[in-house]
Amino acid sequence: MVNRVAIGQYIPGNSFLHRLIPPVKIISLLVVLAALFMIKSFTGLGLFALMVLGLYGCSGLPLQRLVTGLRPVLYIILFTLVVYALTNKGGVVLLRVGRFTVDSLGISGGAFMASRLVLLIWTTLLLTFTTAPLSLAAGIEYLLKPLQRLRVPVAEIALIMTIALRFIPTLMEESRRIMWAQMARGVSFDTGGLRQKIRNLTPLIIPLFVGAFRRADELALAMEARGYQVGAERSSLKTARVGPADWLTLLSAAGLLAVVTISHI
């Protein structure tokens, strides 16, 4: 059941992406996403998609995760496509409904933005699939360390992000269990109008919130029992060092950004 939720999951492996240190992966991701937003043609998006698919293949990640990762944002992608189709005017009129028209330029613009959004999600999932939550938090904390001079609680911010990523699959699994349990008791989540459907969600939302607060309380007690203190200096069992593969990854990401900037694809 948890495998249906892509966000926040870590898939163990021994590929070169798994072995990269988290700060390098985060910086490379930001540079690659900057290159993605500078692409201006479908040809560039196609080449970018081939690169992403190649990275998934080299990392040993199952390709069905690409579909699973799009499920939570499928409606956002469709909404983007519809908005661009209705607002962008130009080219050949493909459909006319009253005052509204759908032009070829709107369809192409919507398809381009939807494709860019899909590639954005797939590229970001590469980071979460190949990086353990604790390692990801350590990388974020390392990159935000300069902000400590401004009294920004860097360690606490990284901890909050880690807990949020870790508990997304857990809460999704618990919501499915509660839904199935309520359906076994005769509760229907699909019958009635909109108001009735909202009321039907009450037996789902209340137990979910109660379970979330219970887990938060248990986590706080566990952290307190292990001596966690806010603002205290923390040590690390393993010290990450930048190796040749890390430098090569950074140079490759910078090279991709330079090629996209120069070629205007």
Protein backbone atom coordinates (compact mmCIF):
# COMPACT_ATOMS: atom_id res chain seq x y z
CA MET A 1 0.00 0.00 0.00
CA VAL A 2 2.80 2.39 0.85
CA ASN A 3 4.41 1.64 -2.52
CA ARG A 4 1.58 3.54 -4.19
CA VAL A 5 2.79 6.74 -2.57
CA ALA A 6 5.95 8.08 -4.19
CA ILE A 7 6.50 11.24 -2.15
CA GLY A 8 8.87 10.77 0.77
CA GLN A 9 9.94 7.23 -0.14
CA TYR A 10 13.53 6.05 -0.24
CA ILE A 11 14.46 3.07 -2.41
CA PRO A 12 17.76 1.49 -1.26
CA GLY A 13 20.35 0.82 -3.90
CA ASN A 14 24.04 0.96 -4.77
CA SER A 15 24.01 3.12 -7.90
CA PHE A 16 26.20 6.18 -8.39
CA LEU A 17 23.26 8.42 -7.49
CA HIS A 18 22.79 6.57 -4.21
CA ARG A 19 26.49 6.99 -3.41
CA LEU A 20 26.61 10.75 -4.03
CA ILE A 21 26.70 12.88 -0.90
CA PRO A 22 23.41 14.72 -0.20
CA PRO A 23 24.70 18.33 -0.53
CA VAL A 24 26.03 17.56 -4.02
CA LYS A 25 22.73 15.98 -5.03
CA ILE A 26 20.73 18.95 -3.76
CA ILE A 27 22.93 21.51 -5.54
CA SER A 28 22.92 19.46 -8.75
CA LEU A 29 19.13 19.19 -8.57
CA LEU A 30 18.74 22.96 -8.27
CA VAL A 31 21.09 23.54 -11.23
CA VAL A 32 19.31 20.94 -13.38
CA LEU A 33 15.90 22.42 -12.54
CA ALA A 34 17.21 25.86 -13.51
CA ALA A 35 18.20 24.37 -16.87
CA LEU A 36 14.74 22.80 -17.20
CA PHE A 37 13.01 26.16 -16.75
CA MET A 38 15.27 27.71 -19.39
CA ILE A 39 14.27 25.18 -22.06
CA LYS A 40 12.01 26.79 -24.66
CA SER A 41 11.19 24.01 -27.13
CA PHE A 42 9.68 20.54 -27.19
CA THR A 43 12.98 19.27 -28.59
CA GLY A 44 14.76 20.43 -25.44
CA LEU A 45 12.10 18.84 -23.24
CA GLY A 46 12.45 15.58 -25.17
CA LEU A 47 16.22 15.51 -24.67
CA PHE A 48 15.75 16.37 -21.00
CA ALA A 49 13.23 13.52 -20.65
CA LEU A 50 15.71 11.08 -22.20
CA MET A 51 18.31 12.20 -19.67
CA VAL A 52 15.90 11.68 -16.76
CA LEU A 53 14.87 8.24 -18.03
CA GLY A 54 18.54 7.33 -18.40
CA LEU A 55 19.22 8.35 -14.81
CA TYR A 56 16.29 6.24 -13.61
CA GLY A 57 17.64 3.28 -15.55
CA CYS A 58 21.20 3.70 -14.26
CA SER A 59 19.92 4.04 -10.68
CA GLY A 60 18.02 0.76 -10.83
CA LEU A 61 14.75 2.48 -9.97
CA PRO A 62 11.54 0.84 -11.27
CA LEU A 63 10.06 2.87 -14.11
CA GLN A 64 6.53 2.41 -12.75
CA ARG A 65 7.52 4.89 -10.07
CA LEU A 66 7.30 7.54 -12.78
CA VAL A 67 3.56 6.96 -13.01
CA THR A 68 3.11 6.64 -9.25
CA GLY A 69 4.85 9.94 -8.65
CA LEU A 70 2.38 11.80 -10.87
CA ARG A 71 -0.77 10.59 -9.10
CA PRO A 72 -0.79 13.22 -6.29
CA VAL A 73 -0.42 16.10 -8.79
CA LEU A 74 -2.42 14.72 -11.71
CA TYR A 75 -5.21 17.26 -11.21
CA ILE A 76 -2.70 20.13 -11.09
CA ILE A 77 -1.23 18.98 -14.41
CA LEU A 78 -4.67 18.76 -16.01
CA PHE A 79 -5.64 22.16 -14.58
CA THR A 80 -2.48 23.71 -16.05
CA LEU A 81 -3.27 22.21 -19.44
CA VAL A 82 -6.87 23.50 -19.39
CA VAL A 83 -5.94 27.00 -18.24
CA TYR A 84 -3.32 27.42 -20.96
CA ALA A 85 -5.69 26.01 -23.57
CA LEU A 86 -8.37 28.57 -22.67
CA THR A 87 -6.18 31.64 -22.10
CA ASN A 88 -3.47 31.43 -24.78
CA LYS A 89 -4.80 32.67 -28.11
CA GLY A 90 -3.27 32.32 -31.53
CA GLY A 91 -2.98 29.93 -34.43
CA VAL A 92 -5.89 27.86 -35.69
CA VAL A 93 -9.19 27.80 -33.79
CA LEU A 94 -9.77 24.16 -32.88
CA LEU A 95 -12.92 24.48 -30.75
CA ARG A 96 -15.48 27.21 -30.11
CA VAL A 97 -18.03 27.06 -27.27
CA GLY A 98 -19.87 30.36 -26.93
CA ARG A 99 -17.33 33.04 -26.06
CA PHE A 100 -14.62 30.51 -25.33
CA THR A 101 -12.27 29.27 -28.01
CA VAL A 102 -9.46 26.76 -27.94
CA ASP A 103 -6.62 27.64 -30.28
CA SER A 104 -3.70 25.57 -31.45
CA LEU A 105 -1.28 27.91 -29.67
CA GLY A 106 -3.13 27.35 -26.40
CA ILE A 107 -2.97 23.57 -26.78
CA SER A 108 0.76 23.63 -27.55
CA GLY A 109 1.45 26.05 -24.68
CA GLY A 110 -0.55 23.91 -22.24
CA ALA A 111 1.18 20.73 -23.39
CA PHE A 112 4.58 22.42 -22.99
CA MET A 113 3.88 23.61 -19.43
CA ALA A 114 2.34 20.27 -18.44
CA SER A 115 5.40 18.44 -19.81
CA ARG A 116 7.72 20.76 -17.92
CA LEU A 117 5.78 20.12 -14.71
CA VAL A 118 5.99 16.35 -15.23
CA LEU A 119 9.75 16.54 -15.75
CA LEU A 120 10.07 18.75 -12.68
CA ILE A 121 8.36 16.09 -10.55
CA TRP A 122 10.35 13.22 -12.03
CA THR A 123 13.67 15.01 -11.50
CA THR A 124 12.81 15.89 -7.91
CA LEU A 125 11.76 12.31 -7.17
CA LEU A 126 15.23 11.19 -8.23
CA LEU A 127 16.54 12.97 -5.14
CA THR A 128 14.03 11.50 -2.68
CA PHE A 129 14.21 7.99 -4.16
CA THR A 130 18.01 7.83 -3.88
CA THR A 131 18.54 9.70 -0.61
CA ALA A 132 17.52 8.49 2.84
CA PRO A 133 15.44 11.03 4.82
CA LEU A 134 18.09 11.46 7.52
CA SER A 135 20.81 11.97 4.90
CA LEU A 136 18.61 14.48 3.08
CA ALA A 137 18.09 16.42 6.32
CA ALA A 138 21.84 16.38 6.95
CA GLY A 139 22.47 17.74 3.45
CA ILE A 140 19.91 20.52 3.89
CA GLU A 141 21.40 21.41 7.25
CA TYR A 142 24.91 21.52 5.76
CA LEU A 143 23.84 23.86 2.95
CA LEU A 144 21.95 26.16 5.33
CA LYS A 145 24.75 26.40 7.89
CA PRO A 146 25.79 29.95 6.82
CA LEU A 147 22.35 31.15 7.96
CA GLN A 148 23.23 30.22 11.54
CA ARG A 149 25.12 33.50 11.77
CA LEU A 150 21.75 35.21 11.33
CA ARG A 151 20.35 33.08 14.19
CA VAL A 152 18.24 30.99 11.85
CA PRO A 153 17.41 27.58 13.47
CA VAL A 154 18.91 25.55 10.65
CA ALA A 155 18.96 22.21 12.50
CA GLU A 156 15.31 22.54 13.52
CA ILE A 157 14.25 23.45 9.97
CA ALA A 158 16.05 20.38 8.59
CA LEU A 159 14.47 18.19 11.27
CA ILE A 160 10.96 19.45 10.46
CA MET A 161 11.47 18.79 6.75
CA THR A 162 12.74 15.28 7.49
CA ILE A 163 9.78 14.42 9.70
CA ALA A 164 7.35 15.80 7.13
CA LEU A 165 8.88 13.72 4.32
CA ARG A 166 9.02 10.62 6.49
CA PHE A 167 5.41 10.75 7.64
CA ILE A 168 3.72 11.46 4.29
CA PRO A 169 3.65 7.75 3.30
CA THR A 170 2.70 6.79 6.86
CA LEU A 171 -0.30 9.13 6.95
CA MET A 172 -1.38 8.03 3.48
CA GLU A 173 -1.30 4.39 4.58
CA GLU A 174 -3.24 5.17 7.75
CA SER A 175 -5.88 7.12 5.80
CA ARG A 176 -6.41 4.12 3.49
CA ARG A 177 -6.75 1.78 6.46
CA ILE A 178 -9.29 4.05 8.13
CA MET A 179 -11.23 4.39 4.89
CA TRP A 180 -11.40 0.63 4.41
CA ALA A 181 -12.42 0.14 8.04
CA GLN A 182 -15.22 2.70 7.73
CA MET A 183 -16.39 1.18 4.44
CA ALA A 184 -16.54 -2.22 6.16
CA ARG A 185 -18.87 -0.60 8.72
CA GLY A 186 -21.19 0.61 5.95
CA VAL A 187 -19.90 4.17 5.41
CA SER A 188 -20.06 5.30 1.76
CA PHE A 189 -17.70 8.01 0.51
CA ASP A 190 -19.15 8.26 -3.02
CA THR A 191 -22.91 8.61 -2.57
CA GLY A 192 -24.92 11.84 -2.32
CA GLY A 193 -24.22 15.37 -3.44
CA LEU A 194 -21.19 17.52 -2.69
CA ARG A 195 -22.39 18.47 0.80
CA GLN A 196 -23.13 14.85 1.66
CA LYS A 197 -19.72 13.72 0.40
CA ILE A 198 -18.06 16.32 2.63
CA ARG A 199 -20.03 15.01 5.60
CA ASN A 200 -19.05 11.45 4.72
CA LEU A 201 -15.39 12.42 5.12
CA THR A 202 -15.91 13.16 8.84
CA PRO A 203 -15.41 9.49 9.90
CA LEU A 204 -12.12 9.59 7.96
CA ILE A 205 -10.70 12.98 8.95
CA ILE A 206 -11.29 12.79 12.72
CA PRO A 207 -9.50 9.43 13.28
CA LEU A 208 -6.72 10.56 10.94
CA PHE A 209 -6.10 13.73 12.97
CA VAL A 210 -6.26 11.78 16.23
CA GLY A 211 -3.71 9.28 14.90
CA ALA A 212 -1.44 12.08 13.65
CA PHE A 213 -1.46 13.81 17.06
CA ARG A 214 -0.80 10.48 18.77
CA ARG A 215 2.19 9.81 16.51
CA ALA A 216 3.51 13.33 17.12
CA ASP A 217 3.25 12.83 20.88
CA GLU A 218 5.03 9.48 20.69
CA LEU A 219 7.77 10.96 18.53
CA ALA A 220 8.28 13.84 20.98
CA LEU A 221 8.57 11.41 23.89
CA ALA A 222 11.01 9.23 21.96
CA MET A 223 13.22 12.22 21.07
CA GLU A 224 13.15 13.43 24.67
CA ALA A 225 14.08 9.95 25.94
CA ARG A 226 17.07 9.93 23.59
CA GLY A 227 18.32 13.26 24.93
CA TYR A 228 17.38 15.50 22.03
CA GLN A 229 17.80 19.18 22.88
CA VAL A 230 16.78 22.12 20.72
CA GLY A 231 19.82 24.09 19.58
CA ALA A 232 22.35 21.58 20.89
CA GLU A 233 25.39 20.73 18.77
CA ARG A 234 24.94 17.34 17.13
CA SER A 235 27.62 14.92 16.00
CA SER A 236 27.52 12.58 13.02
CA LEU A 237 28.64 8.96 12.77
CA LYS A 238 29.70 9.35 9.12
CA THR A 239 31.42 12.40 7.68
CA ALA A 240 30.61 12.99 4.02
CA ARG A 241 33.54 13.82 1.76
CA VAL A 242 33.40 15.11 -1.79
CA GLY A 243 34.80 12.50 -4.15
CA PRO A 244 35.52 12.37 -7.89
CA ALA A 245 31.97 11.22 -8.69
CA ASP A 246 30.57 14.21 -6.78
CA TRP A 247 32.74 16.68 -8.67
CA LEU A 248 31.83 15.02 -11.97
CA THR A 249 28.12 15.33 -11.12
CA LEU A 250 28.44 19.02 -10.29
CA LEU A 251 30.38 19.68 -13.50
CA SER A 252 27.80 17.75 -15.53
CA ALA A 253 24.93 19.75 -14.05
CA ALA A 254 26.77 23.02 -14.70
CA GLY A 255 27.55 21.86 -18.24
CA LEU A 256 23.89 21.10 -18.87
CA LEU A 257 22.91 24.57 -17.70
CA ALA A 258 25.57 26.14 -19.93
CA VAL A 259 24.46 24.14 -22.99
CA VAL A 260 20.82 25.11 -22.48
CA THR A 261 21.76 28.77 -22.00
CA ILE A 262 23.95 28.93 -25.09
CA SER A 263 21.87 26.82 -27.47
CA HIS A 264 18.45 28.37 -26.58
CA ILE A 265 16.73 25.03 -27.20
